[in-house]
Amino acid sequence: MNSYKNDIDNLHAPEALIQKTLQSIEAEKQNGPANVPVPEERHGWRFRKSWGIALAAAAALVIAFILPVRNVYEWTLIPGTDMIRELNEPAEGSQKISVEEYSDWIGFDCTTLIPDAVYTEGSAVVIRDNDVVTDDAGIFYYEYDGTDVMVVLSRTHSVMPDSMSDLPASRVAGQEVILARSGSSGSASYYAAGEKDDISYYLYCVSAEESTFKKIVKNFLAG
């Protein structure tokens, strides 16, 4: 509830747009439209129909800007993914680099990918051709509310498993993301994959609760 309230508090209609609407209402009060009869007095206030329309438009404008974006989660049951095995078999010619070096190269701190989660460890590899990176992959581990999370990143290629590539997309934090799970509720594994800021990503949690994974994905995409 606090997170929802904070999201609402941080959303505002553009000031210029609000001022323009209010100025139009004030001009309507001063001049009035042509051929409009003098309104009757009601509880000390004078109303014109046009004022009501303008006020309603202003209210709709403000509401449109403060209502939160609705997240749509669509889960697809899959048999699992072999991404873990593939990541543990580095390509020929790959070179391991530090997390700090990889963070500098990819453009953001890979130890803070998930807000409110604790970074535990990570590793990254690249393939270079004449000092130009032609292939890369980074694997980073976090702990969120007792749940272990693995995040895989790459700037040069998609890290989405083949078993997820044709699944329907969900929409979380204003971005499209592919969601899937395997196993039964309570002991299920959850997966998320997509692209953010031109970086391909893949998130994986084993034996997680659905509600927890939803928070992880939302925090990752909004971070």
C-alpha atoms as a PDB file:
ATOM      1  CA  MET A   1       0.000   0.000   0.000  1.00  0.00           C
ATOM      2  CA  ASN A   2       2.831   2.423   0.822  1.00  0.00           C
ATOM      3  CA  SER A   3       4.482   1.636  -2.539  1.00  0.00           C
ATOM      4  CA  TYR A   4       1.173   2.292  -4.309  1.00  0.00           C
ATOM      5  CA  LYS A   5       0.736   5.601  -2.434  1.00  0.00           C
ATOM      6  CA  ASN A   6       4.285   6.665  -3.270  1.00  0.00           C
ATOM      7  CA  ASP A   7       3.696   5.921  -6.951  1.00  0.00           C
ATOM      8  CA  ILE A   8       0.584   8.137  -6.887  1.00  0.00           C
ATOM      9  CA  ASP A   9       2.346  10.941  -5.023  1.00  0.00           C
ATOM     10  CA  ASN A  10       5.173  10.995  -7.546  1.00  0.00           C
ATOM     11  CA  LEU A  11       2.921  11.363 -10.581  1.00  0.00           C
ATOM     12  CA  HIS A  12       1.817  14.860 -11.614  1.00  0.00           C
ATOM     13  CA  ALA A  13       0.217  16.446 -14.641  1.00  0.00           C
ATOM     14  CA  PRO A  14       2.538  18.894 -16.451  1.00  0.00           C
ATOM     15  CA  GLU A  15       2.294  22.296 -14.742  1.00  0.00           C
ATOM     16  CA  ALA A  16       1.981  24.196 -18.045  1.00  0.00           C
ATOM     17  CA  LEU A  17      -0.918  22.013 -19.140  1.00  0.00           C
ATOM     18  CA  ILE A  18      -2.778  22.513 -15.867  1.00  0.00           C
ATOM     19  CA  GLN A  19      -2.218  26.291 -15.971  1.00  0.00           C
ATOM     20  CA  LYS A  20      -3.488  26.492 -19.550  1.00  0.00           C
ATOM     21  CA  THR A  21      -6.658  24.630 -18.581  1.00  0.00           C
ATOM     22  CA  LEU A  22      -7.260  26.836 -15.533  1.00  0.00           C
ATOM     23  CA  GLN A  23      -6.696  29.995 -17.597  1.00  0.00           C
ATOM     24  CA  SER A  24      -9.322  28.821 -20.085  1.00  0.00           C
ATOM     25  CA  ILE A  25     -11.781  28.281 -17.251  1.00  0.00           C
ATOM     26  CA  GLU A  26     -11.082  31.768 -15.832  1.00  0.00           C
ATOM     27  CA  ALA A  27     -11.558  33.373 -19.258  1.00  0.00           C
ATOM     28  CA  GLU A  28     -14.866  31.556 -19.579  1.00  0.00           C
ATOM     29  CA  LYS A  29     -15.936  32.973 -16.229  1.00  0.00           C
ATOM     30  CA  GLN A  30     -15.042  36.567 -17.237  1.00  0.00           C
ATOM     31  CA  ASN A  31     -16.442  36.633 -20.771  1.00  0.00           C
ATOM     32  CA  GLY A  32     -19.027  33.897 -20.926  1.00  0.00           C
ATOM     33  CA  PRO A  33     -20.147  32.296 -24.177  1.00  0.00           C
ATOM     34  CA  ALA A  34     -22.532  34.135 -26.513  1.00  0.00           C
ATOM     35  CA  ASN A  35     -26.292  33.807 -26.030  1.00  0.00           C
ATOM     36  CA  VAL A  36     -26.044  32.138 -22.664  1.00  0.00           C
ATOM     37  CA  PRO A  37     -28.768  33.254 -20.210  1.00  0.00           C
ATOM     38  CA  VAL A  38     -27.816  34.511 -16.772  1.00  0.00           C
ATOM     39  CA  PRO A  39     -27.721  31.458 -14.522  1.00  0.00           C
ATOM     40  CA  GLU A  40     -29.773  31.200 -11.390  1.00  0.00           C
ATOM     41  CA  GLU A  41     -28.207  31.514  -7.944  1.00  0.00           C
ATOM     42  CA  ARG A  42     -27.564  28.237  -6.135  1.00  0.00           C
ATOM     43  CA  HIS A  43     -26.056  28.122  -2.643  1.00  0.00           C
ATOM     44  CA  GLY A  44     -24.114  31.348  -3.230  1.00  0.00           C
ATOM     45  CA  TRP A  45     -22.467  30.102  -6.465  1.00  0.00           C
ATOM     46  CA  ARG A  46     -23.285  30.964 -10.096  1.00  0.00           C
ATOM     47  CA  PHE A  47     -23.001  28.119 -12.550  1.00  0.00           C
ATOM     48  CA  ARG A  48     -22.901  28.088 -16.301  1.00  0.00           C
ATOM     49  CA  LYS A  49     -23.109  24.866 -18.243  1.00  0.00           C
ATOM     50  CA  SER A  50     -19.906  25.703 -20.062  1.00  0.00           C
ATOM     51  CA  TRP A  51     -18.067  26.123 -16.775  1.00  0.00           C
ATOM     52  CA  GLY A  52     -19.122  22.630 -15.784  1.00  0.00           C
ATOM     53  CA  ILE A  53     -17.824  21.219 -19.060  1.00  0.00           C
ATOM     54  CA  ALA A  54     -14.504  23.032 -18.661  1.00  0.00           C
ATOM     55  CA  LEU A  55     -14.136  21.890 -15.058  1.00  0.00           C
ATOM     56  CA  ALA A  56     -14.958  18.309 -16.029  1.00  0.00           C
ATOM     57  CA  ALA A  57     -12.309  18.461 -18.768  1.00  0.00           C
ATOM     58  CA  ALA A  58      -9.760  19.782 -16.274  1.00  0.00           C
ATOM     59  CA  ALA A  59     -10.619  17.007 -13.815  1.00  0.00           C
ATOM     60  CA  ALA A  60     -10.292  14.366 -16.523  1.00  0.00           C
ATOM     61  CA  LEU A  61      -6.916  15.816 -17.506  1.00  0.00           C
ATOM     62  CA  VAL A  62      -5.560  15.640 -13.982  1.00  0.00           C
ATOM     63  CA  ILE A  63      -6.954  12.135 -13.371  1.00  0.00           C
ATOM     64  CA  ALA A  64      -5.371  10.884 -16.602  1.00  0.00           C
ATOM     65  CA  PHE A  65      -1.955  11.945 -15.332  1.00  0.00           C
ATOM     66  CA  ILE A  66      -2.213  10.685 -11.748  1.00  0.00           C
ATOM     67  CA  LEU A  67      -3.731   7.248 -12.334  1.00  0.00           C
ATOM     68  CA  PRO A  68      -1.042   4.547 -12.073  1.00  0.00           C
ATOM     69  CA  VAL A  69      -0.083   2.403 -15.043  1.00  0.00           C
ATOM     70  CA  ARG A  70      -1.777  -0.988 -14.791  1.00  0.00           C
ATOM     71  CA  ASN A  71       0.579  -3.961 -14.758  1.00  0.00           C
ATOM     72  CA  VAL A  72      -0.561  -6.996 -16.747  1.00  0.00           C
ATOM     73  CA  TYR A  73       1.033 -10.333 -15.809  1.00  0.00           C
ATOM     74  CA  GLU A  74       0.478 -13.256 -18.175  1.00  0.00           C
ATOM     75  CA  TRP A  75       2.126 -16.475 -17.056  1.00  0.00           C
ATOM     76  CA  THR A  76       2.842 -19.370 -19.417  1.00  0.00           C
ATOM     77  CA  LEU A  77       3.640 -22.817 -18.036  1.00  0.00           C
ATOM     78  CA  ILE A  78       6.765 -24.252 -19.654  1.00  0.00           C
ATOM     79  CA  PRO A  79       8.704 -27.482 -18.982  1.00  0.00           C
ATOM     80  CA  GLY A  80      11.810 -25.521 -17.969  1.00  0.00           C
ATOM     81  CA  THR A  81      14.821 -24.004 -19.654  1.00  0.00           C
ATOM     82  CA  ASP A  82      18.375 -25.092 -20.309  1.00  0.00           C
ATOM     83  CA  MET A  83      19.720 -21.540 -20.007  1.00  0.00           C
ATOM     84  CA  ILE A  84      21.680 -22.428 -16.862  1.00  0.00           C
ATOM     85  CA  ARG A  85      23.626 -25.145 -18.699  1.00  0.00           C
ATOM     86  CA  GLU A  86      24.311 -22.872 -21.663  1.00  0.00           C
ATOM     87  CA  LEU A  87      25.655 -20.119 -19.435  1.00  0.00           C
ATOM     88  CA  ASN A  88      28.017 -22.516 -17.739  1.00  0.00           C
ATOM     89  CA  GLU A  89      29.622 -23.390 -21.089  1.00  0.00           C
ATOM     90  CA  PRO A  90      31.449 -20.207 -22.173  1.00  0.00           C
ATOM     91  CA  ALA A  91      32.118 -19.751 -25.870  1.00  0.00           C
ATOM     92  CA  GLU A  92      35.581 -20.412 -27.250  1.00  0.00           C
ATOM     93  CA  GLY A  93      37.815 -17.364 -27.009  1.00  0.00           C
ATOM     94  CA  SER A  94      35.831 -15.732 -24.199  1.00  0.00           C
ATOM     95  CA  GLN A  95      37.677 -13.660 -21.620  1.00  0.00           C
ATOM     96  CA  LYS A  96      36.511 -13.227 -18.055  1.00  0.00           C
ATOM     97  CA  ILE A  97      36.411  -9.636 -16.802  1.00  0.00           C
ATOM     98  CA  SER A  98      35.531  -8.075 -13.456  1.00  0.00           C
ATOM     99  CA  VAL A  99      31.999  -6.974 -12.597  1.00  0.00           C
ATOM    100  CA  GLU A 100      33.278  -3.398 -12.305  1.00  0.00           C
ATOM    101  CA  GLU A 101      34.791  -3.500 -15.804  1.00  0.00           C
ATOM    102  CA  TYR A 102      31.654  -5.053 -17.246  1.00  0.00           C
ATOM    103  CA  SER A 103      29.494  -2.416 -15.515  1.00  0.00           C
ATOM    104  CA  ASP A 104      31.597   0.355 -17.056  1.00  0.00           C
ATOM    105  CA  TRP A 105      31.334  -1.219 -20.498  1.00  0.00           C
ATOM    106  CA  ILE A 106      27.592  -1.951 -20.432  1.00  0.00           C
ATOM    107  CA  GLY A 107      26.748   1.452 -18.981  1.00  0.00           C
ATOM    108  CA  PHE A 108      25.265   0.868 -15.511  1.00  0.00           C
ATOM    109  CA  ASP A 109      26.118  -0.640 -12.147  1.00  0.00           C
ATOM    110  CA  CYS A 110      25.412  -4.370 -12.303  1.00  0.00           C
ATOM    111  CA  THR A 111      25.445  -4.627  -8.498  1.00  0.00           C
ATOM    112  CA  THR A 112      22.280  -2.481  -8.210  1.00  0.00           C
ATOM    113  CA  LEU A 113      20.091  -3.964 -10.931  1.00  0.00           C
ATOM    114  CA  ILE A 114      17.198  -4.758  -8.563  1.00  0.00           C
ATOM    115  CA  PRO A 115      16.266  -2.013  -6.060  1.00  0.00           C
ATOM    116  CA  ASP A 116      15.680  -3.328  -2.514  1.00  0.00           C
ATOM    117  CA  ALA A 117      17.559  -6.553  -3.318  1.00  0.00           C
ATOM    118  CA  VAL A 118      20.964  -7.543  -1.942  1.00  0.00           C
ATOM    119  CA  TYR A 119      23.697  -8.215  -4.497  1.00  0.00           C
ATOM    120  CA  THR A 120      25.710 -11.331  -3.610  1.00  0.00           C
ATOM    121  CA  GLU A 121      28.024 -12.170  -6.518  1.00  0.00           C
ATOM    122  CA  GLY A 122      28.507 -11.950 -10.266  1.00  0.00           C
ATOM    123  CA  SER A 123      30.749 -12.675 -13.219  1.00  0.00           C
ATOM    124  CA  ALA A 124      31.077 -11.548 -16.822  1.00  0.00           C
ATOM    125  CA  VAL A 125      32.782 -12.680 -20.017  1.00  0.00           C
ATOM    126  CA  VAL A 126      33.467 -10.954 -23.317  1.00  0.00           C
ATOM    127  CA  ILE A 127      34.897 -11.879 -26.702  1.00  0.00           C
ATOM    128  CA  ARG A 128      37.017  -9.218 -28.345  1.00  0.00           C
ATOM    129  CA  ASP A 129      38.139  -8.720 -31.916  1.00  0.00           C
ATOM    130  CA  ASN A 130      40.915  -6.126 -32.142  1.00  0.00           C
ATOM    131  CA  ASP A 131      39.836  -4.690 -28.774  1.00  0.00           C
ATOM    132  CA  VAL A 132      36.207  -4.416 -29.913  1.00  0.00           C
ATOM    133  CA  VAL A 133      33.710  -6.477 -27.888  1.00  0.00           C
ATOM    134  CA  THR A 134      31.820  -8.737 -30.291  1.00  0.00           C
ATOM    135  CA  ASP A 135      30.073 -10.937 -27.724  1.00  0.00           C
ATOM    136  CA  ASP A 136      29.338 -10.651 -24.008  1.00  0.00           C
ATOM    137  CA  ALA A 137      27.352 -12.052 -21.107  1.00  0.00           C
ATOM    138  CA  GLY A 138      27.057 -11.133 -17.448  1.00  0.00           C
ATOM    139  CA  ILE A 139      25.511 -13.228 -14.665  1.00  0.00           C
ATOM    140  CA  PHE A 140      24.579 -11.584 -11.370  1.00  0.00           C
ATOM    141  CA  TYR A 141      23.024 -13.007  -8.232  1.00  0.00           C
ATOM    142  CA  TYR A 142      20.780 -11.233  -5.750  1.00  0.00           C
ATOM    143  CA  GLU A 143      18.735 -12.054  -2.673  1.00  0.00           C
ATOM    144  CA  TYR A 144      15.286 -10.485  -2.371  1.00  0.00           C
ATOM    145  CA  ASP A 145      13.150 -11.129   0.702  1.00  0.00           C
ATOM    146  CA  GLY A 146      14.641 -14.604   1.158  1.00  0.00           C
ATOM    147  CA  THR A 147      14.460 -15.480  -2.547  1.00  0.00           C
ATOM    148  CA  ASP A 148      17.551 -16.029  -4.717  1.00  0.00           C
ATOM    149  CA  VAL A 149      17.475 -14.253  -8.060  1.00  0.00           C
ATOM    150  CA  MET A 150      19.744 -14.687 -11.069  1.00  0.00           C
ATOM    151  CA  VAL A 151      20.013 -11.909 -13.667  1.00  0.00           C
ATOM    152  CA  VAL A 152      21.667 -12.483 -17.037  1.00  0.00           C
ATOM    153  CA  LEU A 153      22.555  -9.566 -19.322  1.00  0.00           C
ATOM    154  CA  SER A 154      24.004  -9.062 -22.778  1.00  0.00           C
ATOM    155  CA  ARG A 155      24.391  -6.076 -25.062  1.00  0.00           C
ATOM    156  CA  THR A 156      25.446  -8.082 -28.129  1.00  0.00           C
ATOM    157  CA  HIS A 157      22.877 -10.894 -28.312  1.00  0.00           C
ATOM    158  CA  SER A 158      19.547 -12.078 -26.898  1.00  0.00           C
ATOM    159  CA  VAL A 159      19.738 -14.123 -23.696  1.00  0.00           C
ATOM    160  CA  MET A 160      16.077 -15.155 -23.883  1.00  0.00           C
ATOM    161  CA  PRO A 161      15.767 -18.965 -23.862  1.00  0.00           C
ATOM    162  CA  ASP A 162      14.280 -20.503 -27.010  1.00  0.00           C
ATOM    163  CA  SER A 163      11.439 -21.967 -24.931  1.00  0.00           C
ATOM    164  CA  MET A 164      10.253 -18.408 -24.151  1.00  0.00           C
ATOM    165  CA  SER A 165      10.764 -16.671 -27.495  1.00  0.00           C
ATOM    166  CA  ASP A 166       7.223 -17.300 -28.837  1.00  0.00           C
ATOM    167  CA  LEU A 167       5.289 -16.709 -25.613  1.00  0.00           C
ATOM    168  CA  PRO A 168       2.787 -13.831 -25.246  1.00  0.00           C
ATOM    169  CA  ALA A 169       4.114 -10.640 -23.673  1.00  0.00           C
ATOM    170  CA  SER A 170       3.021  -9.111 -20.387  1.00  0.00           C
ATOM    171  CA  ARG A 171       3.323  -5.437 -19.513  1.00  0.00           C
ATOM    172  CA  VAL A 172       5.055  -4.394 -16.295  1.00  0.00           C
ATOM    173  CA  ALA A 173       6.231  -0.900 -15.278  1.00  0.00           C
ATOM    174  CA  GLY A 174       5.280   0.321 -18.742  1.00  0.00           C
ATOM    175  CA  GLN A 175       7.482  -2.211 -20.537  1.00  0.00           C
ATOM    176  CA  GLU A 176       6.840  -5.462 -22.378  1.00  0.00           C
ATOM    177  CA  VAL A 177       8.265  -8.584 -20.760  1.00  0.00           C
ATOM    178  CA  ILE A 178       7.901 -12.329 -21.371  1.00  0.00           C
ATOM    179  CA  LEU A 179       6.914 -14.222 -18.207  1.00  0.00           C
ATOM    180  CA  ALA A 180       6.862 -17.972 -17.634  1.00  0.00           C
ATOM    181  CA  ARG A 181       6.934 -20.526 -14.858  1.00  0.00           C
ATOM    182  CA  SER A 182       7.610 -24.217 -14.429  1.00  0.00           C
ATOM    183  CA  GLY A 183       6.587 -26.549 -11.640  1.00  0.00           C
ATOM    184  CA  SER A 184       3.671 -26.322  -9.226  1.00  0.00           C
ATOM    185  CA  SER A 185       2.621 -23.366  -7.096  1.00  0.00           C
ATOM    186  CA  GLY A 186       4.720 -22.967  -3.949  1.00  0.00           C
ATOM    187  CA  SER A 187       7.744 -24.687  -5.466  1.00  0.00           C
ATOM    188  CA  ALA A 188       7.664 -23.178  -8.939  1.00  0.00           C
ATOM    189  CA  SER A 189      10.506 -21.623 -10.865  1.00  0.00           C
ATOM    190  CA  TYR A 190       9.792 -18.252 -12.468  1.00  0.00           C
ATOM    191  CA  TYR A 191      11.359 -16.637 -15.520  1.00  0.00           C
ATOM    192  CA  ALA A 192      11.273 -13.184 -17.110  1.00  0.00           C
ATOM    193  CA  ALA A 193      12.980 -12.074 -20.300  1.00  0.00           C
ATOM    194  CA  GLY A 194      13.001  -9.074 -22.578  1.00  0.00           C
ATOM    195  CA  GLU A 195      14.957  -5.980 -23.504  1.00  0.00           C
ATOM    196  CA  LYS A 196      15.570  -2.859 -21.443  1.00  0.00           C
ATOM    197  CA  ASP A 197      17.632   0.125 -22.612  1.00  0.00           C
ATOM    198  CA  ASP A 198      18.941  -1.944 -25.548  1.00  0.00           C
ATOM    199  CA  ILE A 199      20.171  -4.636 -23.139  1.00  0.00           C
ATOM    200  CA  SER A 200      18.820  -8.180 -23.367  1.00  0.00           C
ATOM    201  CA  TYR A 201      17.963  -9.601 -19.928  1.00  0.00           C
ATOM    202  CA  TYR A 202      16.817 -12.830 -18.339  1.00  0.00           C
ATOM    203  CA  LEU A 203      15.662 -13.213 -14.710  1.00  0.00           C
ATOM    204  CA  TYR A 204      15.334 -16.552 -12.968  1.00  0.00           C
ATOM    205  CA  CYS A 205      14.055 -17.570  -9.514  1.00  0.00           C
ATOM    206  CA  VAL A 206      13.728 -21.110  -8.224  1.00  0.00           C
ATOM    207  CA  SER A 207      11.193 -22.157  -5.558  1.00  0.00           C
ATOM    208  CA  ALA A 208       9.746 -18.665  -5.409  1.00  0.00           C
ATOM    209  CA  GLU A 209       6.315 -17.262  -4.672  1.00  0.00           C
ATOM    210  CA  GLU A 210       4.542 -15.632  -7.611  1.00  0.00           C
ATOM    211  CA  SER A 211       3.878 -12.425  -5.650  1.00  0.00           C
ATOM    212  CA  THR A 212       7.577 -12.124  -4.786  1.00  0.00           C
ATOM    213  CA  PHE A 213       8.681 -12.620  -8.365  1.00  0.00           C
ATOM    214  CA  LYS A 214       6.203  -9.981  -9.519  1.00  0.00           C
ATOM    215  CA  LYS A 215       7.847  -7.472  -7.168  1.00  0.00           C
ATOM    216  CA  ILE A 216      11.311  -8.477  -8.394  1.00  0.00           C
ATOM    217  CA  VAL A 217      10.377  -7.981 -12.055  1.00  0.00           C
ATOM    218  CA  LYS A 218       8.623  -4.672 -11.348  1.00  0.00           C
ATOM    219  CA  ASN A 219      11.594  -3.338  -9.357  1.00  0.00           C
ATOM    220  CA  PHE A 220      14.054  -4.464 -12.020  1.00  0.00           C
ATOM    221  CA  LEU A 221      12.148  -2.812 -14.870  1.00  0.00           C
ATOM    222  CA  ALA A 222      11.419   0.373 -12.926  1.00  0.00           C
ATOM    223  CA  GLY A 223      14.958   0.665 -11.588  1.00  0.00           C
END
